[in-house]
Amino acid sequence: MTDTQLREQLEKLRREIDRMAGDDPKVGHLGQLVDDLEHKLAKPSDAEHHDRLLRGLKDTISEFETEHPRATAILNDILVFLSNMGI
C-alpha cells in the first residue's frame, strides 16, 4: 500500500464514520483516531505520538469490531500498512 492508498483508506474511513455518526456515540473517538493517523503521516518522526497512535488503533479495533465490521476492516488495513512502514 502506498501513501496515496493509505490516504484513500483514511478517506474511506471518514465516510464510514459519517455514515455511523448517528448510530454510536463512540464514533467521535474514531474520528480522532483518523486525525492522529493523518498527523503521523505528516510527522512520522514524532515518537510520543507514535506510541499513542498504536495504542489507540488497537483499542479502537477491539472496541468496534463486532458493532462496526466495515470500519474495523478499514482500520485493520491501515494497521497492516503502518506495520509494513515500520510504524
C-alpha atoms as a PDB file:
ATOM      1  CA  MET A   1       0.000   0.000   0.000  1.00  0.00           C
ATOM      2  CA  THR A   2       1.361   3.419  -0.956  1.00  0.00           C
ATOM      3  CA  ASP A   3       0.865   6.713   0.876  1.00  0.00           C
ATOM      4  CA  THR A   4      -1.809   7.541  -1.669  1.00  0.00           C
ATOM      5  CA  GLN A   5      -3.617   4.291  -0.952  1.00  0.00           C
ATOM      6  CA  LEU A   6      -3.347   4.938   2.785  1.00  0.00           C
ATOM      7  CA  ARG A   7      -4.850   8.383   2.344  1.00  0.00           C
ATOM      8  CA  GLU A   8      -7.650   6.805   0.282  1.00  0.00           C
ATOM      9  CA  GLN A   9      -8.278   4.333   3.115  1.00  0.00           C
ATOM     10  CA  LEU A  10      -8.405   7.215   5.595  1.00  0.00           C
ATOM     11  CA  GLU A  11     -10.936   8.994   3.410  1.00  0.00           C
ATOM     12  CA  LYS A  12     -12.950   5.779   3.134  1.00  0.00           C
ATOM     13  CA  LEU A  13     -12.871   5.511   6.924  1.00  0.00           C
ATOM     14  CA  ARG A  14     -14.028   9.132   7.279  1.00  0.00           C
ATOM     15  CA  ARG A  15     -17.014   8.352   5.018  1.00  0.00           C
ATOM     16  CA  GLU A  16     -17.808   5.296   7.143  1.00  0.00           C
ATOM     17  CA  ILE A  17     -17.565   7.418  10.300  1.00  0.00           C
ATOM     18  CA  ASP A  18     -20.001   9.936   8.794  1.00  0.00           C
ATOM     19  CA  ARG A  19     -22.393   7.082   7.980  1.00  0.00           C
ATOM     20  CA  MET A  20     -22.137   5.695  11.529  1.00  0.00           C
ATOM     21  CA  ALA A  21     -22.322   9.050  13.330  1.00  0.00           C
ATOM     22  CA  GLY A  22     -25.973   8.771  14.341  1.00  0.00           C
ATOM     23  CA  ASP A  23     -25.701   5.131  15.427  1.00  0.00           C
ATOM     24  CA  ASP A  24     -22.962   5.209  18.056  1.00  0.00           C
ATOM     25  CA  PRO A  25     -21.846   7.958  20.429  1.00  0.00           C
ATOM     26  CA  LYS A  26     -18.312   6.463  20.469  1.00  0.00           C
ATOM     27  CA  VAL A  27     -17.786   7.340  16.809  1.00  0.00           C
ATOM     28  CA  GLY A  28     -16.135  10.639  17.776  1.00  0.00           C
ATOM     29  CA  HIS A  29     -13.254   8.598  19.162  1.00  0.00           C
ATOM     30  CA  LEU A  30     -12.807   7.018  15.753  1.00  0.00           C
ATOM     31  CA  GLY A  31     -12.700  10.437  14.099  1.00  0.00           C
ATOM     32  CA  GLN A  32      -9.951  11.491  16.494  1.00  0.00           C
ATOM     33  CA  LEU A  33      -8.020   8.379  15.542  1.00  0.00           C
ATOM     34  CA  VAL A  34      -8.177   9.356  11.859  1.00  0.00           C
ATOM     35  CA  ASP A  35      -6.857  12.801  12.801  1.00  0.00           C
ATOM     36  CA  ASP A  36      -3.999  11.105  14.689  1.00  0.00           C
ATOM     37  CA  LEU A  37      -3.198   8.922  11.673  1.00  0.00           C
ATOM     38  CA  GLU A  38      -3.060  11.957   9.424  1.00  0.00           C
ATOM     39  CA  HIS A  39      -0.750  13.667  11.927  1.00  0.00           C
ATOM     40  CA  LYS A  40       1.515  10.623  11.857  1.00  0.00           C
ATOM     41  CA  LEU A  41       1.721  10.784   8.085  1.00  0.00           C
ATOM     42  CA  ALA A  42       2.640  14.452   8.264  1.00  0.00           C
ATOM     43  CA  LYS A  43       5.227  13.982  11.064  1.00  0.00           C
ATOM     44  CA  PRO A  44       6.479  10.371  11.008  1.00  0.00           C
ATOM     45  CA  SER A  45       9.319  11.034  13.454  1.00  0.00           C
ATOM     46  CA  ASP A  46       7.068  12.068  16.366  1.00  0.00           C
ATOM     47  CA  ALA A  47       7.847   9.124  18.705  1.00  0.00           C
ATOM     48  CA  GLU A  48       5.462  10.122  21.516  1.00  0.00           C
ATOM     49  CA  HIS A  49       2.599  10.419  19.094  1.00  0.00           C
ATOM     50  CA  HIS A  50       3.603   7.063  17.570  1.00  0.00           C
ATOM     51  CA  ASP A  51       3.054   5.112  20.801  1.00  0.00           C
ATOM     52  CA  ARG A  52      -0.276   6.804  21.497  1.00  0.00           C
ATOM     53  CA  LEU A  53      -1.404   6.112  17.936  1.00  0.00           C
ATOM     54  CA  LEU A  54      -0.636   2.389  18.107  1.00  0.00           C
ATOM     55  CA  ARG A  55      -2.471   2.014  21.418  1.00  0.00           C
ATOM     56  CA  GLY A  56      -5.416   3.939  20.007  1.00  0.00           C
ATOM     57  CA  LEU A  57      -5.563   1.784  16.877  1.00  0.00           C
ATOM     58  CA  LYS A  58      -5.528  -1.479  18.786  1.00  0.00           C
ATOM     59  CA  ASP A  59      -8.069  -0.283  21.343  1.00  0.00           C
ATOM     60  CA  THR A  60     -10.389   1.046  18.659  1.00  0.00           C
ATOM     61  CA  ILE A  61     -10.246  -2.149  16.632  1.00  0.00           C
ATOM     62  CA  SER A  62     -11.178  -4.155  19.717  1.00  0.00           C
ATOM     63  CA  GLU A  63     -13.966  -1.757  20.611  1.00  0.00           C
ATOM     64  CA  PHE A  64     -15.590  -1.572  17.175  1.00  0.00           C
ATOM     65  CA  GLU A  65     -15.039  -4.994  15.624  1.00  0.00           C
ATOM     66  CA  THR A  66     -18.431  -6.509  16.467  1.00  0.00           C
ATOM     67  CA  GLU A  67     -20.587  -3.396  16.120  1.00  0.00           C
ATOM     68  CA  HIS A  68     -18.907  -1.850  13.061  1.00  0.00           C
ATOM     69  CA  PRO A  69     -17.173  -4.528  10.986  1.00  0.00           C
ATOM     70  CA  ARG A  70     -16.620  -2.308   7.928  1.00  0.00           C
ATOM     71  CA  ALA A  71     -14.832   0.361   9.946  1.00  0.00           C
ATOM     72  CA  THR A  72     -12.787  -2.348  11.660  1.00  0.00           C
ATOM     73  CA  ALA A  73     -11.755  -3.863   8.321  1.00  0.00           C
ATOM     74  CA  ILE A  74     -10.519  -0.468   7.129  1.00  0.00           C
ATOM     75  CA  LEU A  75      -8.646   0.053  10.401  1.00  0.00           C
ATOM     76  CA  ASN A  76      -7.009  -3.360  10.050  1.00  0.00           C
ATOM     77  CA  ASP A  77      -5.841  -2.468   6.523  1.00  0.00           C
ATOM     78  CA  ILE A  78      -4.372   0.778   7.836  1.00  0.00           C
ATOM     79  CA  LEU A  79      -2.666  -1.010  10.722  1.00  0.00           C
ATOM     80  CA  VAL A  80      -1.050  -3.504   8.333  1.00  0.00           C
ATOM     81  CA  PHE A  81       0.177  -0.672   6.141  1.00  0.00           C
ATOM     82  CA  LEU A  82       1.677   1.180   9.099  1.00  0.00           C
ATOM     83  CA  SER A  83       3.331  -2.010  10.271  1.00  0.00           C
ATOM     84  CA  ASN A  84       4.856  -2.523   6.839  1.00  0.00           C
ATOM     85  CA  MET A  85       6.214   1.022   7.019  1.00  0.00           C
ATOM     86  CA  GLY A  86       7.859   0.174  10.321  1.00  0.00           C
ATOM     87  CA  ILE A  87       5.468   2.326  12.307  1.00  0.00           C
END
